Structure formats: structure tokens, C-alpha cells
Amino acid sequence: MDYKKPTAQMLGRWQPFHEGHLALFEEALKKTGQVCIMVRDTGGTDDKNPFDFNFVKEKIEEKLLPKYDGKFEILLVPNITNICYGRDVGYKVEEIDLPEHIKKISATEIRKNM
């Protein structure tokens, strides 16, 4: 990944990284050609966050490395709950609207079956 090139950002818990997250990654990748995946440090804080960073990173890499090696970076970040910005900061905050079948994927249900 080239740190000087425009980069899309995905911030989340990824508990676990699933097909819906993969679809979002693929759309984000189309925007800039590379994606920084930020993993909020929430592992072990409650039932919705059972996985630590190393497990989360491993699962993301399992999904992405075969096809997207060099196109992403995975970073551990604090438990970011607010993203604040001033005027004209040089980036967009953008929601990517995915199809309904993707939106219905539930990490809670996936965790129950793990």
C-alpha cells in the first residue's frame, strides 16, 4: 500500500469480518484503489466483541489476501466512537448503500454459529 496515494478508510469492530464487510471493502476499493481497515480495540469488552485484534486481523486477511494483497492495510485503533471534523478537511464521510441481502448479514448470527 502506498501511503501517499488516496485511500479509502473503513472503521469498525469486524466481529467477525463477514461477506457484508467484504462487499463494503470491494466498493471502497473502487473509490481509491486501496483501503485502510481500522479495527476498533473492543475485543473482550462485551458479548458483541469477543474477538481480539489478532483474531480479527487474521480473519480479514483470510478473506482479502488471496485477491487483494497490497491493496489494504489493517490497523488497530482506539475504540473510536466519534469522528469529528472541521470545515473543508479534504476528505468525505460517505455511506455506501449496499443491496438488501448484504445489509441483512448479521455478525451476531455469525458469532452464534462459530
PDB file of N, CA and C in Angstrom:
ATOM      1  N   MET A   1       0.854  -1.174   0.000  1.00  0.00           N
ATOM      2  CA  MET A   1       0.000   0.000   0.000  1.00  0.00           C
ATOM      3  C   MET A   1       0.898   1.234   0.000  1.00  0.00           C
ATOM      4  N   ASP A   2       0.528   2.199  -0.816  1.00  0.00           N
ATOM      5  CA  ASP A   2       1.278   3.438  -0.925  1.00  0.00           C
ATOM      6  C   ASP A   2       0.610   4.494  -0.051  1.00  0.00           C
ATOM      7  N   TYR A   3       1.295   4.901   1.023  1.00  0.00           N
ATOM      8  CA  TYR A   3       0.720   5.843   1.990  1.00  0.00           C
ATOM      9  C   TYR A   3       0.507   7.243   1.423  1.00  0.00           C
ATOM     10  N   LYS A   4       1.087   7.559   0.285  1.00  0.00           N
ATOM     11  CA  LYS A   4       0.919   8.883  -0.314  1.00  0.00           C
ATOM     12  C   LYS A   4      -0.291   8.953  -1.242  1.00  0.00           C
ATOM     13  N   LYS A   5      -0.813   7.806  -1.664  1.00  0.00           N
ATOM     14  CA  LYS A   5      -1.938   7.788  -2.589  1.00  0.00           C
ATOM     15  C   LYS A   5      -3.270   7.926  -1.844  1.00  0.00           C
ATOM     16  N   PRO A   6      -4.289   8.437  -2.525  1.00  0.00           N
ATOM     17  CA  PRO A   6      -5.616   8.494  -1.915  1.00  0.00           C
ATOM     18  C   PRO A   6      -6.041   7.105  -1.430  1.00  0.00           C
ATOM     19  N   THR A   7      -6.666   7.084  -0.269  1.00  0.00           N
ATOM     20  CA  THR A   7      -7.003   5.827   0.385  1.00  0.00           C
ATOM     21  C   THR A   7      -8.398   5.931   0.991  1.00  0.00           C
ATOM     22  N   ALA A   8      -9.192   4.884   0.788  1.00  0.00           N
ATOM     23  CA  ALA A   8     -10.491   4.802   1.461  1.00  0.00           C
ATOM     24  C   ALA A   8     -10.262   4.245   2.866  1.00  0.00           C
ATOM     25  N   GLN A   9     -11.098   4.638   3.796  1.00  0.00           N
ATOM     26  CA  GLN A   9     -10.999   4.171   5.184  1.00  0.00           C
ATOM     27  C   GLN A   9     -12.264   3.423   5.564  1.00  0.00           C
ATOM     28  N   MET A  10     -12.071   2.304   6.244  1.00  0.00           N
ATOM     29  CA  MET A  10     -13.183   1.566   6.851  1.00  0.00           C
ATOM     30  C   MET A  10     -12.858   1.431   8.335  1.00  0.00           C
ATOM     31  N   LEU A  11     -13.753   1.874   9.168  1.00  0.00           N
ATOM     32  CA  LEU A  11     -13.574   1.800  10.617  1.00  0.00           C
ATOM     33  C   LEU A  11     -14.660   0.910  11.184  1.00  0.00           C
ATOM     34  N   GLY A  12     -14.266  -0.086  11.968  1.00  0.00           N
ATOM     35  CA  GLY A  12     -15.280  -0.946  12.549  1.00  0.00           C
ATOM     36  C   GLY A  12     -14.718  -1.909  13.575  1.00  0.00           C
ATOM     37  N   ARG A  13     -15.610  -2.750  14.088  1.00  0.00           N
ATOM     38  CA  ARG A  13     -15.227  -3.771  15.067  1.00  0.00           C
ATOM     39  C   ARG A  13     -14.863  -5.068  14.368  1.00  0.00           C
ATOM     40  N   TRP A  14     -15.563  -5.382  13.265  1.00  0.00           N
ATOM     41  CA  TRP A  14     -15.304  -6.568  12.442  1.00  0.00           C
ATOM     42  C   TRP A  14     -15.351  -7.846  13.280  1.00  0.00           C
ATOM     43  N   GLN A  15     -16.464  -8.045  13.990  1.00  0.00           N
ATOM     44  CA  GLN A  15     -16.626  -9.131  14.975  1.00  0.00           C
ATOM     45  C   GLN A  15     -17.605 -10.199  14.501  1.00  0.00           C
ATOM     46  N   PRO A  16     -17.346 -11.011  13.541  1.00  0.00           N
ATOM     47  CA  PRO A  16     -16.142 -11.120  12.715  1.00  0.00           C
ATOM     48  C   PRO A  16     -16.323 -10.423  11.364  1.00  0.00           C
ATOM     49  N   PHE A  17     -15.258 -10.353  10.604  1.00  0.00           N
ATOM     50  CA  PHE A  17     -15.285  -9.833   9.239  1.00  0.00           C
ATOM     51  C   PHE A  17     -16.058 -10.837   8.384  1.00  0.00           C
ATOM     52  N   HIS A  18     -17.152 -10.383   7.745  1.00  0.00           N
ATOM     53  CA  HIS A  18     -18.022 -11.307   7.012  1.00  0.00           C
ATOM     54  C   HIS A  18     -18.251 -10.822   5.577  1.00  0.00           C
ATOM     55  N   GLU A  19     -19.117 -11.536   4.863  1.00  0.00           N
ATOM     56  CA  GLU A  19     -19.359 -11.242   3.449  1.00  0.00           C
ATOM     57  C   GLU A  19     -19.896  -9.823   3.225  1.00  0.00           C
ATOM     58  N   GLY A  20     -20.659  -9.304   4.159  1.00  0.00           N
ATOM     59  CA  GLY A  20     -21.130  -7.923   4.038  1.00  0.00           C
ATOM     60  C   GLY A  20     -19.980  -6.938   4.118  1.00  0.00           C
ATOM     61  N   HIS A  21     -19.037  -7.210   5.021  1.00  0.00           N
ATOM     62  CA  HIS A  21     -17.853  -6.359   5.131  1.00  0.00           C
ATOM     63  C   HIS A  21     -17.010  -6.460   3.863  1.00  0.00           C
ATOM     64  N   LEU A  22     -16.926  -7.666   3.317  1.00  0.00           N
ATOM     65  CA  LEU A  22     -16.177  -7.858   2.073  1.00  0.00           C
ATOM     66  C   LEU A  22     -16.800  -7.048   0.940  1.00  0.00           C
ATOM     67  N   ALA A  23     -18.126  -7.062   0.840  1.00  0.00           N
ATOM     68  CA  ALA A  23     -18.804  -6.274  -0.188  1.00  0.00           C
ATOM     69  C   ALA A  23     -18.526  -4.785  -0.011  1.00  0.00           C
ATOM     70  N   LEU A  24     -18.551  -4.313   1.229  1.00  0.00           N
ATOM     71  CA  LEU A  24     -18.237  -2.915   1.513  1.00  0.00           C
ATOM     72  C   LEU A  24     -16.793  -2.603   1.131  1.00  0.00           C
ATOM     73  N   PHE A  25     -15.864  -3.501   1.490  1.00  0.00           N
ATOM     74  CA  PHE A  25     -14.460  -3.324   1.122  1.00  0.00           C
ATOM     75  C   PHE A  25     -14.313  -3.184  -0.394  1.00  0.00           C
ATOM     76  N   GLU A  26     -14.974  -4.051  -1.139  1.00  0.00           N
ATOM     77  CA  GLU A  26     -14.844  -4.019  -2.595  1.00  0.00           C
ATOM     78  C   GLU A  26     -15.360  -2.708  -3.179  1.00  0.00           C
ATOM     79  N   GLU A  27     -16.433  -2.163  -2.607  1.00  0.00           N
ATOM     80  CA  GLU A  27     -16.940  -0.866  -3.064  1.00  0.00           C
ATOM     81  C   GLU A  27     -15.983   0.265  -2.683  1.00  0.00           C
ATOM     82  N   ALA A  28     -15.452   0.212  -1.469  1.00  0.00           N
ATOM     83  CA  ALA A  28     -14.487   1.232  -1.033  1.00  0.00           C
ATOM     84  C   ALA A  28     -13.231   1.186  -1.899  1.00  0.00           C
ATOM     85  N   LEU A  29     -12.795  -0.010  -2.239  1.00  0.00           N
ATOM     86  CA  LEU A  29     -11.594  -0.178  -3.063  1.00  0.00           C
ATOM     87  C   LEU A  29     -11.775   0.473  -4.434  1.00  0.00           C
ATOM     88  N   LYS A  30     -12.978   0.414  -4.974  1.00  0.00           N
ATOM     89  CA  LYS A  30     -13.258   1.039  -6.271  1.00  0.00           C
ATOM     90  C   LYS A  30     -13.036   2.549  -6.234  1.00  0.00           C
ATOM     91  N   LYS A  31     -13.209   3.140  -5.063  1.00  0.00           N
ATOM     92  CA  LYS A  31     -13.101   4.599  -4.937  1.00  0.00           C
ATOM     93  C   LYS A  31     -11.659   5.094  -5.100  1.00  0.00           C
ATOM     94  N   THR A  32     -10.697   4.357  -4.531  1.00  0.00           N
ATOM     95  CA  THR A  32      -9.322   4.867  -4.489  1.00  0.00           C
ATOM     96  C   THR A  32      -8.249   3.848  -4.883  1.00  0.00           C
ATOM     97  N   GLY A  33      -8.607   2.577  -4.930  1.00  0.00           N
ATOM     98  CA  GLY A  33      -7.617   1.563  -5.269  1.00  0.00           C
ATOM     99  C   GLY A  33      -6.893   0.961  -4.079  1.00  0.00           C
ATOM    100  N   GLN A  34      -7.129   1.510  -2.899  1.00  0.00           N
ATOM    101  CA  GLN A  34      -6.561   0.938  -1.676  1.00  0.00           C
ATOM    102  C   GLN A  34      -7.396   1.365  -0.483  1.00  0.00           C
ATOM    103  N   VAL A  35      -7.366   0.518   0.581  1.00  0.00           N
ATOM    104  CA  VAL A  35      -8.240   0.735   1.726  1.00  0.00           C
ATOM    105  C   VAL A  35      -7.462   0.538   3.021  1.00  0.00           C
ATOM    106  N   CYS A  36      -7.650   1.439   3.955  1.00  0.00           N
ATOM    107  CA  CYS A  36      -7.130   1.286   5.310  1.00  0.00           C
ATOM    108  C   CYS A  36      -8.281   0.776   6.177  1.00  0.00           C
ATOM    109  N   ILE A  37      -8.119  -0.432   6.705  1.00  0.00           N
ATOM    110  CA  ILE A  37      -9.140  -1.034   7.555  1.00  0.00           C
ATOM    111  C   ILE A  37      -8.722  -0.818   9.005  1.00  0.00           C
ATOM    112  N   MET A  38      -9.467   0.003   9.700  1.00  0.00           N
ATOM    113  CA  MET A  38      -9.167   0.312  11.091  1.00  0.00           C
ATOM    114  C   MET A  38     -10.028  -0.553  11.995  1.00  0.00           C
ATOM    115  N   VAL A  39      -9.370  -1.275  12.888  1.00  0.00           N
ATOM    116  CA  VAL A  39     -10.054  -2.179  13.806  1.00  0.00           C
ATOM    117  C   VAL A  39     -10.133  -1.506  15.167  1.00  0.00           C
ATOM    118  N   ARG A  40     -11.355  -1.182  15.592  1.00  0.00           N
ATOM    119  CA  ARG A  40     -11.547  -0.575  16.913  1.00  0.00           C
ATOM    120  C   ARG A  40     -11.156  -1.579  17.992  1.00  0.00           C
ATOM    121  N   ASP A  41     -10.450  -1.136  18.993  1.00  0.00           N
ATOM    122  CA  ASP A  41      -9.966  -2.011  20.066  1.00  0.00           C
ATOM    123  C   ASP A  41     -11.093  -2.275  21.057  1.00  0.00           C
ATOM    124  N   THR A  42     -11.998  -3.185  20.674  1.00  0.00           N
ATOM    125  CA  THR A  42     -13.155  -3.500  21.508  1.00  0.00           C
ATOM    126  C   THR A  42     -13.160  -4.956  21.972  1.00  0.00           C
ATOM    127  N   GLY A  43     -12.182  -5.734  21.563  1.00  0.00           N
ATOM    128  CA  GLY A  43     -12.154  -7.160  21.885  1.00  0.00           C
ATOM    129  C   GLY A  43     -12.285  -7.420  23.379  1.00  0.00           C
ATOM    130  N   GLY A  44     -13.254  -8.273  23.742  1.00  0.00           N
ATOM    131  CA  GLY A  44     -13.446  -8.650  25.132  1.00  0.00           C
ATOM    132  C   GLY A  44     -14.227  -7.675  25.983  1.00  0.00           C
ATOM    133  N   THR A  45     -14.753  -6.620  25.386  1.00  0.00           N
ATOM    134  CA  THR A  45     -15.472  -5.627  26.189  1.00  0.00           C
ATOM    135  C   THR A  45     -16.904  -6.040  26.514  1.00  0.00           C
ATOM    136  N   ASP A  46     -17.498  -6.893  25.677  1.00  0.00           N
ATOM    137  CA  ASP A  46     -18.862  -7.396  25.918  1.00  0.00           C
ATOM    138  C   ASP A  46     -19.122  -8.566  24.983  1.00  0.00           C
ATOM    139  N   ASP A  47     -20.354  -9.094  25.009  1.00  0.00           N
ATOM    140  CA  ASP A  47     -20.700 -10.259  24.194  1.00  0.00           C
ATOM    141  C   ASP A  47     -20.650  -9.988  22.694  1.00  0.00           C
ATOM    142  N   LYS A  48     -20.797  -8.739  22.297  1.00  0.00           N
ATOM    143  CA  LYS A  48     -20.747  -8.400  20.879  1.00  0.00           C
ATOM    144  C   LYS A  48     -19.316  -8.252  20.365  1.00  0.00           C
ATOM    145  N   ASN A  49     -18.355  -8.305  21.262  1.00  0.00           N
ATOM    146  CA  ASN A  49     -16.951  -8.082  20.906  1.00  0.00           C
ATOM    147  C   ASN A  49     -16.041  -9.154  21.505  1.00  0.00           C
ATOM    148  N   PRO A  50     -16.266 -10.419  21.149  1.00  0.00           N
ATOM    149  CA  PRO A  50     -15.490 -11.481  21.782  1.00  0.00           C
ATOM    150  C   PRO A  50     -14.060 -11.630  21.250  1.00  0.00           C
ATOM    151  N   PHE A  51     -13.788 -11.092  20.063  1.00  0.00           N
ATOM    152  CA  PHE A  51     -12.521 -11.380  19.402  1.00  0.00           C
ATOM    153  C   PHE A  51     -11.485 -10.270  19.594  1.00  0.00           C
ATOM    154  N   ASP A  52     -10.245 -10.674  19.863  1.00  0.00           N
ATOM    155  CA  ASP A  52      -9.170  -9.689  19.995  1.00  0.00           C
ATOM    156  C   ASP A  52      -8.649  -9.286  18.617  1.00  0.00           C
ATOM    157  N   PHE A  53      -7.790  -8.283  18.594  1.00  0.00           N
ATOM    158  CA  PHE A  53      -7.286  -7.730  17.338  1.00  0.00           C
ATOM    159  C   PHE A  53      -6.618  -8.790  16.473  1.00  0.00           C
ATOM    160  N   ASN A  54      -5.798  -9.647  17.060  1.00  0.00           N
ATOM    161  CA  ASN A  54      -5.082 -10.630  16.251  1.00  0.00           C
ATOM    162  C   ASN A  54      -6.034 -11.577  15.529  1.00  0.00           C
ATOM    163  N   PHE A  55      -7.090 -12.000  16.215  1.00  0.00           N
ATOM    164  CA  PHE A  55      -8.089 -12.868  15.595  1.00  0.00           C
ATOM    165  C   PHE A  55      -8.800 -12.127  14.460  1.00  0.00           C
ATOM    166  N   VAL A  56      -9.223 -10.901  14.736  1.00  0.00           N
ATOM    167  CA  VAL A  56      -9.925 -10.094  13.731  1.00  0.00           C
ATOM    168  C   VAL A  56      -9.034  -9.884  12.508  1.00  0.00           C
ATOM    169  N   LYS A  57      -7.794  -9.512  12.736  1.00  0.00           N
ATOM    170  CA  LYS A  57      -6.856  -9.287  11.631  1.00  0.00           C
ATOM    171  C   LYS A  57      -6.671 -10.553  10.805  1.00  0.00           C
ATOM    172  N   GLU A  58      -6.521 -11.685  11.472  1.00  0.00           N
ATOM    173  CA  GLU A  58      -6.351 -12.963  10.785  1.00  0.00           C
ATOM    174  C   GLU A  58      -7.552 -13.271   9.882  1.00  0.00           C
ATOM    175  N   LYS A  59      -8.761 -13.042  10.393  1.00  0.00           N
ATOM    176  CA  LYS A  59      -9.964 -13.315   9.610  1.00  0.00           C
ATOM    177  C   LYS A  59     -10.098 -12.361   8.422  1.00  0.00           C
ATOM    178  N   ILE A  60      -9.717 -11.105   8.605  1.00  0.00           N
ATOM    179  CA  ILE A  60      -9.738 -10.149   7.485  1.00  0.00           C
ATOM    180  C   ILE A  60      -8.744 -10.589   6.424  1.00  0.00           C
ATOM    181  N   GLU A  61      -7.548 -10.953   6.850  1.00  0.00           N
ATOM    182  CA  GLU A  61      -6.532 -11.384   5.898  1.00  0.00           C
ATOM    183  C   GLU A  61      -6.941 -12.649   5.150  1.00  0.00           C
ATOM    184  N   GLU A  62      -7.616 -13.581   5.832  1.00  0.00           N
ATOM    185  CA  GLU A  62      -8.101 -14.788   5.161  1.00  0.00           C
ATOM    186  C   GLU A  62      -9.016 -14.437   3.993  1.00  0.00           C
ATOM    187  N   LYS A  63      -9.860 -13.427   4.192  1.00  0.00           N
ATOM    188  CA  LYS A  63     -10.802 -13.017   3.138  1.00  0.00           C
ATOM    189  C   LYS A  63     -10.124 -12.203   2.036  1.00  0.00           C
ATOM    190  N   LEU A  64      -9.151 -11.369   2.404  1.00  0.00           N
ATOM    191  CA  LEU A  64      -8.644 -10.387   1.449  1.00  0.00           C
ATOM    192  C   LEU A  64      -7.318 -10.733   0.773  1.00  0.00           C
ATOM    193  N   LEU A  65      -6.422 -11.395   1.467  1.00  0.00           N
ATOM    194  CA  LEU A  65      -5.084 -11.622   0.906  1.00  0.00           C
ATOM    195  C   LEU A  65      -5.070 -12.353  -0.436  1.00  0.00           C
ATOM    196  N   PRO A  66      -5.882 -13.390  -0.608  1.00  0.00           N
ATOM    197  CA  PRO A  66      -5.777 -14.101  -1.886  1.00  0.00           C
ATOM    198  C   PRO A  66      -6.005 -13.218  -3.117  1.00  0.00           C
ATOM    199  N   LYS A  67      -6.879 -12.259  -3.007  1.00  0.00           N
ATOM    200  CA  LYS A  67      -7.248 -11.438  -4.170  1.00  0.00           C
ATOM    201  C   LYS A  67      -6.737  -9.996  -4.091  1.00  0.00           C
ATOM    202  N   TYR A  68      -6.530  -9.484  -2.878  1.00  0.00           N
ATOM    203  CA  TYR A  68      -6.273  -8.049  -2.713  1.00  0.00           C
ATOM    204  C   TYR A  68      -4.949  -7.722  -2.014  1.00  0.00           C
ATOM    205  N   ASP A  69      -4.010  -8.625  -2.058  1.00  0.00           N
ATOM    206  CA  ASP A  69      -2.714  -8.387  -1.418  1.00  0.00           C
ATOM    207  C   ASP A  69      -2.113  -7.070  -1.921  1.00  0.00           C
ATOM    208  N   GLY A  70      -1.654  -6.233  -0.999  1.00  0.00           N
ATOM    209  CA  GLY A  70      -1.063  -4.947  -1.355  1.00  0.00           C
ATOM    210  C   GLY A  70      -2.062  -3.825  -1.537  1.00  0.00           C
ATOM    211  N   LYS A  71      -3.340  -4.137  -1.446  1.00  0.00           N
ATOM    212  CA  LYS A  71      -4.389  -3.136  -1.650  1.00  0.00           C
ATOM    213  C   LYS A  71      -5.021  -2.668  -0.353  1.00  0.00           C
ATOM    214  N   PHE A  72      -4.549  -3.184   0.783  1.00  0.00           N
ATOM    215  CA  PHE A  72      -5.152  -2.814   2.063  1.00  0.00           C
ATOM    216  C   PHE A  72      -4.114  -2.855   3.177  1.00  0.00           C
ATOM    217  N   GLU A  73      -4.438  -2.158   4.242  1.00  0.00           N
ATOM    218  CA  GLU A  73      -3.656  -2.137   5.474  1.00  0.00           C
ATOM    219  C   GLU A  73      -4.647  -2.306   6.612  1.00  0.00           C
ATOM    220  N   ILE A  74      -4.271  -3.081   7.614  1.00  0.00           N
ATOM    221  CA  ILE A  74      -5.127  -3.290   8.784  1.00  0.00           C
ATOM    222  C   ILE A  74      -4.427  -2.663   9.984  1.00  0.00           C
ATOM    223  N   LEU A  75      -5.120  -1.750  10.659  1.00  0.00           N
ATOM    224  CA  LEU A  75      -4.543  -1.045  11.803  1.00  0.00           C
ATOM    225  C   LEU A  75      -5.428  -1.197  13.036  1.00  0.00           C
ATOM    226  N   LEU A  76      -4.811  -1.436  14.178  1.00  0.00           N
ATOM    227  CA  LEU A  76      -5.512  -1.381  15.452  1.00  0.00           C
ATOM    228  C   LEU A  76      -5.603   0.079  15.864  1.00  0.00           C
ATOM    229  N   VAL A  77      -6.815   0.510  16.221  1.00  0.00           N
ATOM    230  CA  VAL A  77      -7.019   1.887  16.659  1.00  0.00           C
ATOM    231  C   VAL A  77      -7.798   1.878  17.972  1.00  0.00           C
ATOM    232  N   PRO A  78      -7.775   2.967  18.720  1.00  0.00           N
ATOM    233  CA  PRO A  78      -8.589   3.039  19.944  1.00  0.00           C
ATOM    234  C   PRO A  78     -10.065   2.824  19.612  1.00  0.00           C
ATOM    235  N   ASN A  79     -10.862   2.650  20.634  1.00  0.00           N
ATOM    236  CA  ASN A  79     -12.299   2.443  20.452  1.00  0.00           C
ATOM    237  C   ASN A  79     -12.957   3.756  20.030  1.00  0.00           C
ATOM    238  N   ILE A  80     -12.740   4.112  18.791  1.00  0.00           N
ATOM    239  CA  ILE A  80     -13.263   5.370  18.243  1.00  0.00           C
ATOM    240  C   ILE A  80     -14.785   5.307  18.192  1.00  0.00           C
ATOM    241  N   THR A  81     -15.423   6.278  18.808  1.00  0.00           N
ATOM    242  CA  THR A  81     -16.889   6.338  18.816  1.00  0.00           C
ATOM    243  C   THR A  81     -17.420   7.614  18.175  1.00  0.00           C
ATOM    244  N   ASN A  82     -16.573   8.595  17.976  1.00  0.00           N
ATOM    245  CA  ASN A  82     -16.981   9.842  17.330  1.00  0.00           C
ATOM    246  C   ASN A  82     -15.910  10.235  16.321  1.00  0.00           C
ATOM    247  N   ILE A  83     -16.356  10.599  15.120  1.00  0.00           N
ATOM    248  CA  ILE A  83     -15.455  11.135  14.112  1.00  0.00           C
ATOM    249  C   ILE A  83     -15.864  12.583  13.913  1.00  0.00           C
ATOM    250  N   CYS A  84     -14.988  13.482  14.246  1.00  0.00           N
ATOM    251  CA  CYS A  84     -15.294  14.911  14.235  1.00  0.00           C
ATOM    252  C   CYS A  84     -14.373  15.604  13.237  1.00  0.00           C
ATOM    253  N   TYR A  85     -14.915  16.566  12.525  1.00  0.00           N
ATOM    254  CA  TYR A  85     -14.089  17.297  11.583  1.00  0.00           C
ATOM    255  C   TYR A  85     -14.561  18.737  11.499  1.00  0.00           C
ATOM    256  N   GLY A  86     -13.660  19.571  11.002  1.00  0.00           N
ATOM    257  CA  GLY A  86     -13.974  20.985  10.801  1.00  0.00           C
ATOM    258  C   GLY A  86     -14.400  21.212   9.371  1.00  0.00           C
ATOM    259  N   ARG A  87     -14.108  22.357   8.869  1.00  0.00           N
ATOM    260  CA  ARG A  87     -14.529  22.689   7.512  1.00  0.00           C
ATOM    261  C   ARG A  87     -13.496  22.263   6.487  1.00  0.00           C
ATOM    262  N   ASP A  88     -13.953  21.855   5.336  1.00  0.00           N
ATOM    263  CA  ASP A  88     -13.115  21.534   4.178  1.00  0.00           C
ATOM    264  C   ASP A  88     -11.826  20.817   4.569  1.00  0.00           C
ATOM    265  N   VAL A  89     -11.960  19.629   5.145  1.00  0.00           N
ATOM    266  CA  VAL A  89     -10.797  18.901   5.652  1.00  0.00           C
ATOM    267  C   VAL A  89     -10.099  18.058   4.588  1.00  0.00           C
ATOM    268  N   GLY A  90     -10.659  17.985   3.379  1.00  0.00           N
ATOM    269  CA  GLY A  90     -10.002  17.270   2.301  1.00  0.00           C
ATOM    270  C   GLY A  90     -10.413  15.810   2.159  1.00  0.00           C
ATOM    271  N   TYR A  91     -11.452  15.410   2.859  1.00  0.00           N
ATOM    272  CA  TYR A  91     -11.972  14.054   2.692  1.00  0.00           C
ATOM    273  C   TYR A  91     -13.485  14.081   2.850  1.00  0.00           C
ATOM    274  N   LYS A  92     -14.122  12.980   2.409  1.00  0.00           N
ATOM    275  CA  LYS A  92     -15.572  12.857   2.501  1.00  0.00           C
ATOM    276  C   LYS A  92     -15.921  11.797   3.528  1.00  0.00           C
ATOM    277  N   VAL A  93     -17.020  11.989   4.213  1.00  0.00           N
ATOM    278  CA  VAL A  93     -17.628  10.944   5.016  1.00  0.00           C
ATOM    279  C   VAL A  93     -18.805  10.454   4.174  1.00  0.00           C
ATOM    280  N   GLU A  94     -18.747   9.174   3.776  1.00  0.00           N
ATOM    281  CA  GLU A  94     -19.674   8.681   2.768  1.00  0.00           C
ATOM    282  C   GLU A  94     -20.245   7.318   3.155  1.00  0.00           C
ATOM    283  N   GLU A  95     -21.553   7.197   3.095  1.00  0.00           N
ATOM    284  CA  GLU A  95     -22.195   5.903   3.300  1.00  0.00           C
ATOM    285  C   GLU A  95     -22.320   5.207   1.949  1.00  0.00           C
ATOM    286  N   ILE A  96     -21.897   3.958   1.901  1.00  0.00           N
ATOM    287  CA  ILE A  96     -22.057   3.159   0.693  1.00  0.00           C
ATOM    288  C   ILE A  96     -23.312   2.318   0.883  1.00  0.00           C
ATOM    289  N   ASP A  97     -24.277   2.514   0.004  1.00  0.00           N
ATOM    290  CA  ASP A  97     -25.559   1.821   0.100  1.00  0.00           C
ATOM    291  C   ASP A  97     -25.445   0.470  -0.600  1.00  0.00           C
ATOM    292  N   LEU A  98     -25.414  -0.595   0.182  1.00  0.00           N
ATOM    293  CA  LEU A  98     -25.282  -1.948  -0.338  1.00  0.00           C
ATOM    294  C   LEU A  98     -26.654  -2.580  -0.520  1.00  0.00           C
ATOM    295  N   PRO A  99     -26.749  -3.635  -1.336  1.00  0.00           N
ATOM    296  CA  PRO A  99     -28.034  -4.309  -1.552  1.00  0.00           C
ATOM    297  C   PRO A  99     -28.616  -4.869  -0.254  1.00  0.00           C
ATOM    298  N   GLU A 100     -29.932  -5.033  -0.222  1.00  0.00           N
ATOM    299  CA  GLU A 100     -30.631  -5.500   0.983  1.00  0.00           C
ATOM    300  C   GLU A 100     -30.102  -6.830   1.496  1.00  0.00           C
ATOM    301  N   HIS A 101     -29.794  -7.769   0.603  1.00  0.00           N
ATOM    302  CA  HIS A 101     -29.309  -9.075   1.067  1.00  0.00           C
ATOM    303  C   HIS A 101     -27.967  -8.950   1.782  1.00  0.00           C
ATOM    304  N   ILE A 102     -27.190  -7.955   1.445  1.00  0.00           N
ATOM    305  CA  ILE A 102     -25.923  -7.698   2.144  1.00  0.00           C
ATOM    306  C   ILE A 102     -26.203  -7.032   3.482  1.00  0.00           C
ATOM    307  N   LYS A 103     -27.115  -6.059   3.493  1.00  0.00           N
ATOM    308  CA  LYS A 103     -27.452  -5.358   4.736  1.00  0.00           C
ATOM    309  C   LYS A 103     -28.008  -6.307   5.800  1.00  0.00           C
ATOM    310  N   LYS A 104     -28.628  -7.389   5.366  1.00  0.00           N
ATOM    311  CA  LYS A 104     -29.248  -8.334   6.303  1.00  0.00           C
ATOM    312  C   LYS A 104     -28.251  -9.285   6.960  1.00  0.00           C
ATOM    313  N   ILE A 105     -26.994  -9.287   6.511  1.00  0.00           N
ATOM    314  CA  ILE A 105     -25.998 -10.161   7.132  1.00  0.00           C
ATOM    315  C   ILE A 105     -25.778  -9.690   8.563  1.00  0.00           C
ATOM    316  N   SER A 106     -25.846 -10.628   9.488  1.00  0.00           N
ATOM    317  CA  SER A 106     -25.755 -10.292  10.911  1.00  0.00           C
ATOM    318  C   SER A 106     -24.517 -10.922  11.546  1.00  0.00           C
ATOM    319  N   ALA A 107     -23.617 -10.090  12.043  1.00  0.00           N
ATOM    320  CA  ALA A 107     -22.446 -10.600  12.753  1.00  0.00           C
ATOM    321  C   ALA A 107     -22.871 -11.340  14.025  1.00  0.00           C
ATOM    322  N   THR A 108     -23.959 -10.886  14.637  1.00  0.00           N
ATOM    323  CA  THR A 108     -24.469 -11.571  15.840  1.00  0.00           C
ATOM    324  C   THR A 108     -24.821 -13.015  15.505  1.00  0.00           C
ATOM    325  N   GLU A 109     -25.523 -13.230  14.393  1.00  0.00           N
ATOM    326  CA  GLU A 109     -25.891 -14.585  13.977  1.00  0.00           C
ATOM    327  C   GLU A 109     -24.654 -15.393  13.596  1.00  0.00           C
ATOM    328  N   ILE A 110     -23.701 -14.762  12.952  1.00  0.00           N
ATOM    329  CA  ILE A 110     -22.464 -15.459  12.587  1.00  0.00           C
ATOM    330  C   ILE A 110     -21.719 -15.908  13.833  1.00  0.00           C
ATOM    331  N   ARG A 111     -21.632 -15.027  14.837  1.00  0.00           N
ATOM    332  CA  ARG A 111     -20.946 -15.387  16.087  1.00  0.00           C
ATOM    333  C   ARG A 111     -21.626 -16.565  16.769  1.00  0.00           C
ATOM    334  N   LYS A 112     -22.965 -16.615  16.736  1.00  0.00           N
ATOM    335  CA  LYS A 112     -23.701 -17.717  17.355  1.00  0.00           C
ATOM    336  C   LYS A 112     -23.333 -19.053  16.734  1.00  0.00           C
ATOM    337  N   ASN A 113     -23.004 -19.046  15.457  1.00  0.00           N
ATOM    338  CA  ASN A 113     -22.695 -20.277  14.737  1.00  0.00           C
ATOM    339  C   ASN A 113     -21.199 -20.606  14.689  1.00  0.00           C
ATOM    340  N   MET A 114     -20.407 -19.798  15.326  1.00  0.00           N
ATOM    341  CA  MET A 114     -18.960 -20.058  15.321  1.00  0.00           C
ATOM    342  C   MET A 114     -18.574 -21.032  16.409  1.00  0.00           C
TER     343      MET A 114
END
